[in-house]
Amino acid sequence: MFSSRLISRAFSTGSQCNAKVAVLGASGGIGQPLSLLLKQSPLVTDLALYDIAHTPGVAADLSHINSKARVTGFVGAEQLADALKGADVVVIPAGVPRKPGMTRDDLFNTNASIVRDLAEAAAKNCPKACLAIISNPVNSTVPIASEVFKKAGVYDPNRIFGVTSLDVVRANTFIAEAKGLDPATVDVPVIGGHAGITIIPLLSRANPAVSFPDDKVDALTKRIQDAGTEVVKAKAGAGSATLSMAFAGARFAISLLRGMNGEKVVECAFVKSDVTESTYFATPLVLGKNGLAQNLGIGNVNKYEQELIKNAIPELKASIKKGEDFVNKK
């Protein structure tokens, strides 16, 4: 799996890749730190920042950083096509954040329309780009993007990803804290989806191997599942997880670039899938030159984890259907 040491390596080594990355929603709480992290990567040659406001200023600020990526700001719907043309990776953090008391599903009405419109523009202007969708609810927004690409006749399920890396980052951190380990050396696969009970950390597959009493496993699992709410409450109305999400989003985008650059990289992400009854499901994936190169599936899980998967499937199915219906009934 991809450790946080590798994200540092991608920022600091001589790895080369001539890639254009477009960030849609680049002026927001996730978009700005995400763009900062991508600007530091030698794998990025051209960084296109798009939002409905403030992107010229964000771009000017980032352009003063002495790394090779050329930064351009695009603002407003009339400049969206130019931001996307020639993009190899499109990262979409656009949308409204969660507030106290809100579920990810509460975001649907606003964010569904945003993702649909951005996906339509991507399908038209960079149909071969890999899409990394951060906008919540990911369990619905990924199917929305897929349906848009189908309607445009350019759908490739290997190029559309829901970014669930934050669940992995959190699982690694919480397990490391519990065992006194270096978080950068811990790898915990997280499968399923990206909301509540659909987030399924496979503690039995942690590397290095760890063990906990059953009650501690349950407590850690629930903390990983509810970690987003933990941040929303701590910020007391001032926002949701932005900095950690930016880190996780940059990690996934860099993983895609590394895969395109010929390296074998494994990341968990929410993709079109046939490994369960759910038509989309997050599992560890090998990333390659054309996006998803190999789905590694669920692998061995214990009885507790089997039950988590069973309980997640109905909720996943409902969220996926909601996204698909949003596109197909309009």
C-alpha atoms as a PDB file:
ATOM      1  CA  MET A   1       0.000   0.000   0.000  1.00  0.00           C
ATOM      2  CA  PHE A   2       0.944   3.642  -0.307  1.00  0.00           C
ATOM      3  CA  SER A   3       2.526   5.104   2.849  1.00  0.00           C
ATOM      4  CA  SER A   4       2.872   8.767   3.754  1.00  0.00           C
ATOM      5  CA  ARG A   5       6.610   8.359   3.196  1.00  0.00           C
ATOM      6  CA  LEU A   6       5.852   7.943  -0.509  1.00  0.00           C
ATOM      7  CA  ILE A   7       3.956  11.211  -0.708  1.00  0.00           C
ATOM      8  CA  SER A   8       7.050  12.890   0.714  1.00  0.00           C
ATOM      9  CA  ARG A   9       9.179  11.062  -1.821  1.00  0.00           C
ATOM     10  CA  ALA A  10       6.997  12.297  -4.669  1.00  0.00           C
ATOM     11  CA  PHE A  11       7.453  15.861  -3.426  1.00  0.00           C
ATOM     12  CA  SER A  12      11.197  15.677  -2.960  1.00  0.00           C
ATOM     13  CA  THR A  13      12.804  13.248  -5.394  1.00  0.00           C
ATOM     14  CA  GLY A  14      13.755  13.583  -9.005  1.00  0.00           C
ATOM     15  CA  SER A  15      10.819  11.481 -10.241  1.00  0.00           C
ATOM     16  CA  GLN A  16       9.694  12.877 -13.567  1.00  0.00           C
ATOM     17  CA  CYS A  17       6.320  12.891 -15.290  1.00  0.00           C
ATOM     18  CA  ASN A  18       4.921  15.432 -17.740  1.00  0.00           C
ATOM     19  CA  ALA A  19       1.393  15.625 -16.415  1.00  0.00           C
ATOM     20  CA  LYS A  20      -1.377  18.176 -16.244  1.00  0.00           C
ATOM     21  CA  VAL A  21      -3.541  18.073 -13.146  1.00  0.00           C
ATOM     22  CA  ALA A  22      -6.753  20.087 -12.936  1.00  0.00           C
ATOM     23  CA  VAL A  23      -8.235  20.856  -9.519  1.00  0.00           C
ATOM     24  CA  LEU A  24     -11.931  21.747  -9.706  1.00  0.00           C
ATOM     25  CA  GLY A  25     -12.871  23.637  -6.570  1.00  0.00           C
ATOM     26  CA  ALA A  26      -9.351  24.937  -6.053  1.00  0.00           C
ATOM     27  CA  SER A  27     -10.292  27.996  -3.976  1.00  0.00           C
ATOM     28  CA  GLY A  28     -12.051  26.072  -1.223  1.00  0.00           C
ATOM     29  CA  GLY A  29     -10.988  24.709   2.125  1.00  0.00           C
ATOM     30  CA  ILE A  30      -9.792  21.452   0.573  1.00  0.00           C
ATOM     31  CA  GLY A  31      -8.820  22.845  -2.815  1.00  0.00           C
ATOM     32  CA  GLN A  32      -6.209  25.344  -1.613  1.00  0.00           C
ATOM     33  CA  PRO A  33      -4.078  23.022   0.563  1.00  0.00           C
ATOM     34  CA  LEU A  34      -4.561  20.237  -2.010  1.00  0.00           C
ATOM     35  CA  SER A  35      -3.218  22.529  -4.731  1.00  0.00           C
ATOM     36  CA  LEU A  36      -0.304  23.506  -2.493  1.00  0.00           C
ATOM     37  CA  LEU A  37       0.649  19.851  -2.035  1.00  0.00           C
ATOM     38  CA  LEU A  38       0.367  19.141  -5.763  1.00  0.00           C
ATOM     39  CA  LYS A  39       2.492  22.202  -6.583  1.00  0.00           C
ATOM     40  CA  GLN A  40       5.328  20.608  -4.611  1.00  0.00           C
ATOM     41  CA  SER A  41       5.291  17.378  -6.602  1.00  0.00           C
ATOM     42  CA  PRO A  42       7.850  16.976  -9.426  1.00  0.00           C
ATOM     43  CA  LEU A  43       5.308  14.712 -11.130  1.00  0.00           C
ATOM     44  CA  VAL A  44       3.102  17.722 -11.948  1.00  0.00           C
ATOM     45  CA  THR A  45       4.118  19.874 -14.910  1.00  0.00           C
ATOM     46  CA  ASP A  46       0.932  21.910 -15.335  1.00  0.00           C
ATOM     47  CA  LEU A  47      -1.452  22.706 -12.467  1.00  0.00           C
ATOM     48  CA  ALA A  48      -4.799  24.123 -13.590  1.00  0.00           C
ATOM     49  CA  LEU A  49      -6.889  25.614 -10.793  1.00  0.00           C
ATOM     50  CA  TYR A  50     -10.603  26.124 -11.376  1.00  0.00           C
ATOM     51  CA  ASP A  51     -13.348  27.552  -9.196  1.00  0.00           C
ATOM     52  CA  ILE A  52     -16.250  29.976  -9.426  1.00  0.00           C
ATOM     53  CA  ALA A  53     -14.244  32.693  -7.633  1.00  0.00           C
ATOM     54  CA  HIS A  54     -10.779  33.640  -6.323  1.00  0.00           C
ATOM     55  CA  THR A  55      -8.693  31.218  -8.401  1.00  0.00           C
ATOM     56  CA  PRO A  56      -6.530  33.886 -10.089  1.00  0.00           C
ATOM     57  CA  GLY A  57      -5.331  34.953  -6.645  1.00  0.00           C
ATOM     58  CA  VAL A  58      -4.755  31.399  -5.453  1.00  0.00           C
ATOM     59  CA  ALA A  59      -2.847  30.661  -8.670  1.00  0.00           C
ATOM     60  CA  ALA A  60      -0.715  33.797  -8.347  1.00  0.00           C
ATOM     61  CA  ASP A  61       0.135  32.884  -4.761  1.00  0.00           C
ATOM     62  CA  LEU A  62       1.111  29.305  -5.608  1.00  0.00           C
ATOM     63  CA  SER A  63       3.046  30.376  -8.710  1.00  0.00           C
ATOM     64  CA  HIS A  64       5.665  32.019  -6.479  1.00  0.00           C
ATOM     65  CA  ILE A  65       6.698  28.608  -5.108  1.00  0.00           C
ATOM     66  CA  ASN A  66       9.970  27.457  -6.681  1.00  0.00           C
ATOM     67  CA  SER A  67       8.825  24.109  -8.036  1.00  0.00           C
ATOM     68  CA  LYS A  68       8.455  23.223 -11.695  1.00  0.00           C
ATOM     69  CA  ALA A  69       4.659  23.027 -12.007  1.00  0.00           C
ATOM     70  CA  ARG A  70       3.227  25.912 -14.025  1.00  0.00           C
ATOM     71  CA  VAL A  71       0.121  27.200 -12.259  1.00  0.00           C
ATOM     72  CA  THR A  72      -2.828  28.783 -14.060  1.00  0.00           C
ATOM     73  CA  GLY A  73      -6.058  30.022 -12.514  1.00  0.00           C
ATOM     74  CA  PHE A  74      -9.424  29.689 -14.241  1.00  0.00           C
ATOM     75  CA  VAL A  75     -12.563  31.293 -12.903  1.00  0.00           C
ATOM     76  CA  GLY A  76     -16.212  30.902 -13.874  1.00  0.00           C
ATOM     77  CA  ALA A  77     -18.061  28.473 -16.123  1.00  0.00           C
ATOM     78  CA  GLU A  78     -16.794  30.129 -19.310  1.00  0.00           C
ATOM     79  CA  GLN A  79     -13.195  29.158 -18.429  1.00  0.00           C
ATOM     80  CA  LEU A  80     -13.882  25.589 -17.277  1.00  0.00           C
ATOM     81  CA  ALA A  81     -13.170  24.020 -20.671  1.00  0.00           C
ATOM     82  CA  ASP A  82      -9.735  25.658 -20.853  1.00  0.00           C
ATOM     83  CA  ALA A  83      -8.901  24.405 -17.362  1.00  0.00           C
ATOM     84  CA  LEU A  84      -9.685  20.832 -18.411  1.00  0.00           C
ATOM     85  CA  LYS A  85      -8.195  20.599 -21.895  1.00  0.00           C
ATOM     86  CA  GLY A  86      -5.194  18.272 -21.915  1.00  0.00           C
ATOM     87  CA  ALA A  87      -5.634  17.185 -18.290  1.00  0.00           C
ATOM     88  CA  ASP A  88      -4.279  13.781 -17.298  1.00  0.00           C
ATOM     89  CA  VAL A  89      -5.817  13.824 -13.814  1.00  0.00           C
ATOM     90  CA  VAL A  90      -8.848  15.806 -12.666  1.00  0.00           C
ATOM     91  CA  VAL A  91      -9.325  16.151  -8.906  1.00  0.00           C
ATOM     92  CA  ILE A  92     -12.784  17.308  -7.796  1.00  0.00           C
ATOM     93  CA  PRO A  93     -13.067  18.671  -4.251  1.00  0.00           C
ATOM     94  CA  ALA A  94     -15.782  21.157  -5.299  1.00  0.00           C
ATOM     95  CA  GLY A  95     -18.972  21.461  -3.276  1.00  0.00           C
ATOM     96  CA  VAL A  96     -20.279  22.491   0.119  1.00  0.00           C
ATOM     97  CA  PRO A  97     -18.708  21.096   3.317  1.00  0.00           C
ATOM     98  CA  ARG A  98     -20.509  19.303   6.099  1.00  0.00           C
ATOM     99  CA  LYS A  99     -21.730  21.302   9.064  1.00  0.00           C
ATOM    100  CA  PRO A 100     -22.660  20.079  12.567  1.00  0.00           C
ATOM    101  CA  GLY A 101     -25.677  17.789  12.427  1.00  0.00           C
ATOM    102  CA  MET A 102     -25.354  17.156   8.697  1.00  0.00           C
ATOM    103  CA  THR A 103     -24.766  13.745   7.202  1.00  0.00           C
ATOM    104  CA  ARG A 104     -22.947  13.285   3.916  1.00  0.00           C
ATOM    105  CA  ASP A 105     -26.334  12.508   2.399  1.00  0.00           C
ATOM    106  CA  ASP A 106     -27.556  15.980   3.409  1.00  0.00           C
ATOM    107  CA  LEU A 107     -25.011  17.364   0.956  1.00  0.00           C
ATOM    108  CA  PHE A 108     -26.527  15.487  -1.945  1.00  0.00           C
ATOM    109  CA  ASN A 109     -28.886  18.094  -3.365  1.00  0.00           C
ATOM    110  CA  THR A 110     -26.169  20.716  -3.762  1.00  0.00           C
ATOM    111  CA  ASN A 111     -23.116  18.612  -4.516  1.00  0.00           C
ATOM    112  CA  ALA A 112     -24.864  16.239  -6.927  1.00  0.00           C
ATOM    113  CA  SER A 113     -25.523  19.094  -9.354  1.00  0.00           C
ATOM    114  CA  ILE A 114     -21.968  20.400  -9.020  1.00  0.00           C
ATOM    115  CA  VAL A 115     -20.389  17.025  -9.734  1.00  0.00           C
ATOM    116  CA  ARG A 116     -22.768  16.381 -12.636  1.00  0.00           C
ATOM    117  CA  ASP A 117     -21.867  19.681 -14.299  1.00  0.00           C
ATOM    118  CA  LEU A 118     -18.120  19.255 -13.755  1.00  0.00           C
ATOM    119  CA  ALA A 119     -18.251  15.657 -15.014  1.00  0.00           C
ATOM    120  CA  GLU A 120     -20.060  16.830 -18.157  1.00  0.00           C
ATOM    121  CA  ALA A 121     -17.273  19.320 -18.814  1.00  0.00           C
ATOM    122  CA  ALA A 122     -14.590  16.683 -18.194  1.00  0.00           C
ATOM    123  CA  ALA A 123     -16.318  14.177 -20.493  1.00  0.00           C
ATOM    124  CA  LYS A 124     -16.298  16.798 -23.245  1.00  0.00           C
ATOM    125  CA  ASN A 125     -12.825  18.289 -22.783  1.00  0.00           C
ATOM    126  CA  CYS A 126     -10.621  15.511 -21.315  1.00  0.00           C
ATOM    127  CA  PRO A 127     -12.483  12.200 -21.686  1.00  0.00           C
ATOM    128  CA  LYS A 128      -9.315  10.128 -21.169  1.00  0.00           C
ATOM    129  CA  ALA A 129      -8.340  11.828 -17.912  1.00  0.00           C
ATOM    130  CA  CYS A 130      -8.542   9.976 -14.600  1.00  0.00           C
ATOM    131  CA  LEU A 131     -11.166  11.534 -12.313  1.00  0.00           C
ATOM    132  CA  ALA A 132     -10.498  11.593  -8.566  1.00  0.00           C
ATOM    133  CA  ILE A 133     -13.771  12.584  -6.923  1.00  0.00           C
ATOM    134  CA  ILE A 134     -13.631  13.968  -3.391  1.00  0.00           C
ATOM    135  CA  SER A 135     -17.015  15.760  -3.326  1.00  0.00           C
ATOM    136  CA  ASN A 136     -19.388  14.097  -0.873  1.00  0.00           C
ATOM    137  CA  PRO A 137     -21.416  11.960  -0.730  1.00  0.00           C
ATOM    138  CA  VAL A 138     -18.789   9.938  -2.655  1.00  0.00           C
ATOM    139  CA  ASN A 139     -21.031   6.854  -2.583  1.00  0.00           C
ATOM    140  CA  SER A 140     -23.419   8.802  -4.851  1.00  0.00           C
ATOM    141  CA  THR A 141     -21.184  11.296  -6.676  1.00  0.00           C
ATOM    142  CA  VAL A 142     -19.020   8.591  -8.282  1.00  0.00           C
ATOM    143  CA  PRO A 143     -22.080   6.920  -9.863  1.00  0.00           C
ATOM    144  CA  ILE A 144     -23.221  10.384 -10.982  1.00  0.00           C
ATOM    145  CA  ALA A 145     -19.936  10.967 -12.820  1.00  0.00           C
ATOM    146  CA  SER A 146     -20.072   7.489 -14.337  1.00  0.00           C
ATOM    147  CA  GLU A 147     -23.604   8.009 -15.661  1.00  0.00           C
ATOM    148  CA  VAL A 148     -22.592  11.353 -17.159  1.00  0.00           C
ATOM    149  CA  PHE A 149     -19.653   9.725 -18.953  1.00  0.00           C
ATOM    150  CA  LYS A 150     -21.943   6.944 -20.209  1.00  0.00           C
ATOM    151  CA  LYS A 151     -24.355   9.487 -21.661  1.00  0.00           C
ATOM    152  CA  ALA A 152     -21.427  11.202 -23.393  1.00  0.00           C
ATOM    153  CA  GLY A 153     -20.258   7.876 -24.856  1.00  0.00           C
ATOM    154  CA  VAL A 154     -16.799   8.094 -23.282  1.00  0.00           C
ATOM    155  CA  TYR A 155     -17.196   5.973 -20.149  1.00  0.00           C
ATOM    156  CA  ASP A 156     -14.191   3.999 -18.934  1.00  0.00           C
ATOM    157  CA  PRO A 157     -14.751   2.533 -15.450  1.00  0.00           C
ATOM    158  CA  ASN A 158     -10.984   2.262 -14.973  1.00  0.00           C
ATOM    159  CA  ARG A 159     -10.628   6.050 -14.980  1.00  0.00           C
ATOM    160  CA  ILE A 160     -13.267   7.171 -12.444  1.00  0.00           C
ATOM    161  CA  PHE A 161     -12.380   6.952  -8.749  1.00  0.00           C
ATOM    162  CA  GLY A 162     -13.973   7.978  -5.494  1.00  0.00           C
ATOM    163  CA  VAL A 163     -11.211   9.152  -3.171  1.00  0.00           C
ATOM    164  CA  THR A 164     -11.455   7.164   0.066  1.00  0.00           C
ATOM    165  CA  SER A 165      -7.791   7.643   1.002  1.00  0.00           C
ATOM    166  CA  LEU A 166      -8.729   9.728   4.038  1.00  0.00           C
ATOM    167  CA  ASP A 167     -10.295   6.648   5.645  1.00  0.00           C
ATOM    168  CA  VAL A 168      -6.999   4.804   5.124  1.00  0.00           C
ATOM    169  CA  VAL A 169      -4.985   7.744   6.478  1.00  0.00           C
ATOM    170  CA  ARG A 170      -7.186   7.874   9.572  1.00  0.00           C
ATOM    171  CA  ALA A 171      -7.063   4.123  10.118  1.00  0.00           C
ATOM    172  CA  ASN A 172      -3.267   4.152   9.861  1.00  0.00           C
ATOM    173  CA  THR A 173      -3.043   7.047  12.316  1.00  0.00           C
ATOM    174  CA  PHE A 174      -5.461   5.650  14.907  1.00  0.00           C
ATOM    175  CA  ILE A 175      -3.934   2.155  14.848  1.00  0.00           C
ATOM    176  CA  ALA A 176      -0.431   3.618  15.135  1.00  0.00           C
ATOM    177  CA  GLU A 177      -1.509   5.733  18.117  1.00  0.00           C
ATOM    178  CA  ALA A 178      -3.064   2.702  19.816  1.00  0.00           C
ATOM    179  CA  LYS A 179       0.086   0.594  19.365  1.00  0.00           C
ATOM    180  CA  GLY A 180       2.801   3.258  19.698  1.00  0.00           C
ATOM    181  CA  LEU A 181       3.919   2.853  16.071  1.00  0.00           C
ATOM    182  CA  ASP A 182       5.130   5.331  13.473  1.00  0.00           C
ATOM    183  CA  PRO A 183       1.951   6.156  11.480  1.00  0.00           C
ATOM    184  CA  ALA A 184       3.983   6.386   8.268  1.00  0.00           C
ATOM    185  CA  THR A 185       4.840   2.685   8.555  1.00  0.00           C
ATOM    186  CA  VAL A 186       1.291   1.407   9.154  1.00  0.00           C
ATOM    187  CA  ASP A 187      -0.997   0.158   6.380  1.00  0.00           C
ATOM    188  CA  VAL A 188      -4.655  -0.658   6.997  1.00  0.00           C
ATOM    189  CA  PRO A 189      -6.844  -1.474   3.980  1.00  0.00           C
ATOM    190  CA  VAL A 190     -10.229   0.251   4.165  1.00  0.00           C
ATOM    191  CA  ILE A 191     -12.928  -1.121   1.893  1.00  0.00           C
ATOM    192  CA  GLY A 192     -16.617  -0.498   1.171  1.00  0.00           C
ATOM    193  CA  GLY A 193     -17.605   3.133   0.755  1.00  0.00           C
ATOM    194  CA  HIS A 194     -16.994   6.567   2.225  1.00  0.00           C
ATOM    195  CA  ALA A 195     -19.775   7.220   4.743  1.00  0.00           C
ATOM    196  CA  GLY A 196     -20.627   5.818   8.148  1.00  0.00           C
ATOM    197  CA  ILE A 197     -21.101   2.058   8.246  1.00  0.00           C
ATOM    198  CA  THR A 198     -19.952   1.687   4.638  1.00  0.00           C
ATOM    199  CA  ILE A 199     -16.399   2.525   5.805  1.00  0.00           C
ATOM    200  CA  ILE A 200     -14.889  -0.878   6.633  1.00  0.00           C
ATOM    201  CA  PRO A 201     -11.340  -0.881   8.040  1.00  0.00           C
ATOM    202  CA  LEU A 202      -9.755  -4.322   7.825  1.00  0.00           C
ATOM    203  CA  LEU A 203      -7.793  -4.303  11.077  1.00  0.00           C
ATOM    204  CA  SER A 204      -7.113  -8.009  10.634  1.00  0.00           C
ATOM    205  CA  ARG A 205      -5.052  -7.121   7.552  1.00  0.00           C
ATOM    206  CA  ALA A 206      -3.022  -4.307   9.115  1.00  0.00           C
ATOM    207  CA  ASN A 207       0.659  -4.216   8.213  1.00  0.00           C
ATOM    208  CA  PRO A 208       2.510  -4.593  10.522  1.00  0.00           C
ATOM    209  CA  ALA A 209       0.099  -7.078  12.084  1.00  0.00           C
ATOM    210  CA  VAL A 210      -1.639  -5.870  15.224  1.00  0.00           C
ATOM    211  CA  SER A 211      -4.136  -7.405  17.602  1.00  0.00           C
ATOM    212  CA  PHE A 212      -6.718  -5.916  19.944  1.00  0.00           C
ATOM    213  CA  PRO A 213      -9.452  -7.258  22.231  1.00  0.00           C
ATOM    214  CA  ASP A 214     -12.843  -7.447  20.482  1.00  0.00           C
ATOM    215  CA  ASP A 215     -14.204  -4.372  22.259  1.00  0.00           C
ATOM    216  CA  LYS A 216     -11.163  -2.336  21.196  1.00  0.00           C
ATOM    217  CA  VAL A 217     -11.551  -3.496  17.574  1.00  0.00           C
ATOM    218  CA  ASP A 218     -15.167  -2.349  17.666  1.00  0.00           C
ATOM    219  CA  ALA A 219     -14.252   1.017  19.231  1.00  0.00           C
ATOM    220  CA  LEU A 220     -11.473   1.658  16.694  1.00  0.00           C
ATOM    221  CA  THR A 221     -13.729   0.661  13.797  1.00  0.00           C
ATOM    222  CA  LYS A 222     -16.454   3.046  14.942  1.00  0.00           C
ATOM    223  CA  ARG A 223     -13.936   5.854  15.449  1.00  0.00           C
ATOM    224  CA  ILE A 224     -12.635   5.424  11.897  1.00  0.00           C
ATOM    225  CA  GLN A 225     -16.208   5.372  10.578  1.00  0.00           C
ATOM    226  CA  ASP A 226     -17.187   8.490  12.539  1.00  0.00           C
ATOM    227  CA  ALA A 227     -13.908  10.411  12.215  1.00  0.00           C
ATOM    228  CA  GLY A 228     -15.390  12.978   9.844  1.00  0.00           C
ATOM    229  CA  THR A 229     -18.052  13.850  12.406  1.00  0.00           C
ATOM    230  CA  GLU A 230     -15.303  14.105  15.042  1.00  0.00           C
ATOM    231  CA  VAL A 231     -13.685  16.892  12.996  1.00  0.00           C
ATOM    232  CA  VAL A 232     -16.984  18.641  12.225  1.00  0.00           C
ATOM    233  CA  LYS A 233     -17.814  18.774  15.947  1.00  0.00           C
ATOM    234  CA  ALA A 234     -14.317  19.945  16.894  1.00  0.00           C
ATOM    235  CA  LYS A 235     -14.519  22.806  14.382  1.00  0.00           C
ATOM    236  CA  ALA A 236     -17.829  23.832  15.985  1.00  0.00           C
ATOM    237  CA  GLY A 237     -19.513  25.089  12.841  1.00  0.00           C
ATOM    238  CA  ALA A 238     -16.356  26.388  11.166  1.00  0.00           C
ATOM    239  CA  GLY A 239     -16.115  23.558   8.622  1.00  0.00           C
ATOM    240  CA  SER A 240     -15.282  19.923   8.105  1.00  0.00           C
ATOM    241  CA  ALA A 241     -12.106  17.914   7.430  1.00  0.00           C
ATOM    242  CA  THR A 242     -10.157  20.046   4.959  1.00  0.00           C
ATOM    243  CA  LEU A 243      -6.457  19.702   5.725  1.00  0.00           C
ATOM    244  CA  SER A 244      -6.472  15.925   6.234  1.00  0.00           C
ATOM    245  CA  MET A 245      -8.696  15.540   3.161  1.00  0.00           C
ATOM    246  CA  ALA A 246      -6.304  17.686   1.133  1.00  0.00           C
ATOM    247  CA  PHE A 247      -3.427  15.442   2.215  1.00  0.00           C
ATOM    248  CA  ALA A 248      -5.379  12.313   1.308  1.00  0.00           C
ATOM    249  CA  GLY A 249      -6.518  13.786  -2.019  1.00  0.00           C
ATOM    250  CA  ALA A 250      -2.964  14.759  -2.944  1.00  0.00           C
ATOM    251  CA  ARG A 251      -1.770  11.311  -1.934  1.00  0.00           C
ATOM    252  CA  PHE A 252      -4.267   9.687  -4.284  1.00  0.00           C
ATOM    253  CA  ALA A 253      -3.589  12.067  -7.186  1.00  0.00           C
ATOM    254  CA  ILE A 254       0.158  11.464  -6.830  1.00  0.00           C
ATOM    255  CA  SER A 255      -0.501   7.720  -6.717  1.00  0.00           C
ATOM    256  CA  LEU A 256      -2.336   8.012 -10.036  1.00  0.00           C
ATOM    257  CA  LEU A 257       0.596   9.924 -11.529  1.00  0.00           C
ATOM    258  CA  ARG A 258       3.078   7.393 -10.232  1.00  0.00           C
ATOM    259  CA  GLY A 259       1.033   4.603 -11.774  1.00  0.00           C
ATOM    260  CA  MET A 260       0.881   6.472 -15.082  1.00  0.00           C
ATOM    261  CA  ASN A 261       4.640   6.854 -14.810  1.00  0.00           C
ATOM    262  CA  GLY A 262       5.088   3.081 -14.809  1.00  0.00           C
ATOM    263  CA  GLU A 263       5.355   2.371 -11.082  1.00  0.00           C
ATOM    264  CA  LYS A 264       3.221  -0.263  -9.379  1.00  0.00           C
ATOM    265  CA  VAL A 265       1.175   1.613  -6.802  1.00  0.00           C
ATOM    266  CA  VAL A 266      -1.648   0.243  -4.652  1.00  0.00           C
ATOM    267  CA  GLU A 267      -4.394   2.465  -3.249  1.00  0.00           C
ATOM    268  CA  CYS A 268      -7.886   1.865  -1.927  1.00  0.00           C
ATOM    269  CA  ALA A 269     -10.599   3.731  -3.837  1.00  0.00           C
ATOM    270  CA  PHE A 270     -14.343   3.541  -4.565  1.00  0.00           C
ATOM    271  CA  VAL A 271     -14.812   2.237  -8.109  1.00  0.00           C
ATOM    272  CA  LYS A 272     -17.146   0.323 -10.401  1.00  0.00           C
ATOM    273  CA  SER A 273     -16.855  -3.203  -9.068  1.00  0.00           C
ATOM    274  CA  ASP A 274     -18.134  -6.768  -9.237  1.00  0.00           C
ATOM    275  CA  VAL A 275     -16.492  -8.053  -6.054  1.00  0.00           C
ATOM    276  CA  THR A 276     -19.754  -7.769  -4.042  1.00  0.00           C
ATOM    277  CA  GLU A 277     -23.467  -7.305  -4.727  1.00  0.00           C
ATOM    278  CA  SER A 278     -22.816  -3.555  -4.706  1.00  0.00           C
ATOM    279  CA  THR A 279     -22.018  -2.241  -8.192  1.00  0.00           C
ATOM    280  CA  TYR A 280     -19.447   0.158  -6.718  1.00  0.00           C
ATOM    281  CA  PHE A 281     -17.136  -0.805  -3.884  1.00  0.00           C
ATOM    282  CA  ALA A 282     -13.812   0.372  -2.484  1.00  0.00           C
ATOM    283  CA  THR A 283     -10.993  -2.170  -2.419  1.00  0.00           C
ATOM    284  CA  PRO A 284      -7.200  -2.069  -2.821  1.00  0.00           C
ATOM    285  CA  LEU A 285      -6.379  -1.307  -6.467  1.00  0.00           C
ATOM    286  CA  VAL A 286      -3.216  -1.480  -8.528  1.00  0.00           C
ATOM    287  CA  LEU A 287      -2.891   1.814 -10.428  1.00  0.00           C
ATOM    288  CA  GLY A 288      -1.242   1.868 -13.840  1.00  0.00           C
ATOM    289  CA  LYS A 289      -0.786   3.793 -17.072  1.00  0.00           C
ATOM    290  CA  ASN A 290      -4.525   3.875 -17.809  1.00  0.00           C
ATOM    291  CA  GLY A 291      -5.876   4.251 -14.295  1.00  0.00           C
ATOM    292  CA  LEU A 292      -7.130   1.108 -12.600  1.00  0.00           C
ATOM    293  CA  ALA A 293      -4.870  -1.754 -13.694  1.00  0.00           C
ATOM    294  CA  GLN A 294      -6.044  -4.484 -11.292  1.00  0.00           C
ATOM    295  CA  ASN A 295      -8.701  -4.758  -8.603  1.00  0.00           C
ATOM    296  CA  LEU A 296      -7.179  -6.765  -5.750  1.00  0.00           C
ATOM    297  CA  GLY A 297     -10.580  -7.486  -4.222  1.00  0.00           C
ATOM    298  CA  ILE A 298     -11.490  -7.916  -0.592  1.00  0.00           C
ATOM    299  CA  GLY A 299      -9.087 -10.730   0.335  1.00  0.00           C
ATOM    300  CA  ASN A 300      -9.320 -12.654   3.589  1.00  0.00           C
ATOM    301  CA  VAL A 301     -11.504 -11.124   6.275  1.00  0.00           C
ATOM    302  CA  ASN A 302     -12.654 -12.333   9.674  1.00  0.00           C
ATOM    303  CA  LYS A 303     -16.238 -12.861  10.868  1.00  0.00           C
ATOM    304  CA  TYR A 304     -16.508  -9.370  12.363  1.00  0.00           C
ATOM    305  CA  GLU A 305     -15.427  -7.803   9.066  1.00  0.00           C
ATOM    306  CA  GLN A 306     -17.749 -10.072   7.089  1.00  0.00           C
ATOM    307  CA  GLU A 307     -20.629  -8.742   9.153  1.00  0.00           C
ATOM    308  CA  LEU A 308     -19.521  -5.151   8.497  1.00  0.00           C
ATOM    309  CA  ILE A 309     -19.552  -5.853   4.750  1.00  0.00           C
ATOM    310  CA  LYS A 310     -23.006  -7.459   4.947  1.00  0.00           C
ATOM    311  CA  ASN A 311     -24.411  -4.439   6.816  1.00  0.00           C
ATOM    312  CA  ALA A 312     -22.836  -1.946   4.399  1.00  0.00           C
ATOM    313  CA  ILE A 313     -24.210  -3.401   1.157  1.00  0.00           C
ATOM    314  CA  PRO A 314     -27.847  -2.174   1.449  1.00  0.00           C
ATOM    315  CA  GLU A 315     -26.728   1.372   2.253  1.00  0.00           C
ATOM    316  CA  LEU A 316     -24.236   1.352  -0.611  1.00  0.00           C
ATOM    317  CA  LYS A 317     -26.877   0.114  -3.041  1.00  0.00           C
ATOM    318  CA  ALA A 318     -29.280   2.872  -2.005  1.00  0.00           C
ATOM    319  CA  SER A 319     -26.646   5.607  -2.327  1.00  0.00           C
ATOM    320  CA  ILE A 320     -25.518   4.337  -5.726  1.00  0.00           C
ATOM    321  CA  LYS A 321     -29.093   4.183  -7.016  1.00  0.00           C
ATOM    322  CA  LYS A 322     -29.720   7.717  -5.759  1.00  0.00           C
ATOM    323  CA  GLY A 323     -26.763   8.987  -7.778  1.00  0.00           C
ATOM    324  CA  GLU A 324     -27.681   7.097 -10.923  1.00  0.00           C
ATOM    325  CA  ASP A 325     -31.319   8.188 -10.709  1.00  0.00           C
ATOM    326  CA  PHE A 326     -30.260  11.809 -10.281  1.00  0.00           C
ATOM    327  CA  VAL A 327     -28.637  11.763 -13.730  1.00  0.00           C
ATOM    328  CA  ASN A 328     -31.053   9.476 -15.544  1.00  0.00           C
ATOM    329  CA  LYS A 329     -34.320  11.027 -14.315  1.00  0.00           C
ATOM    330  CA  LYS A 330     -33.343  14.609 -15.094  1.00  0.00           C
END
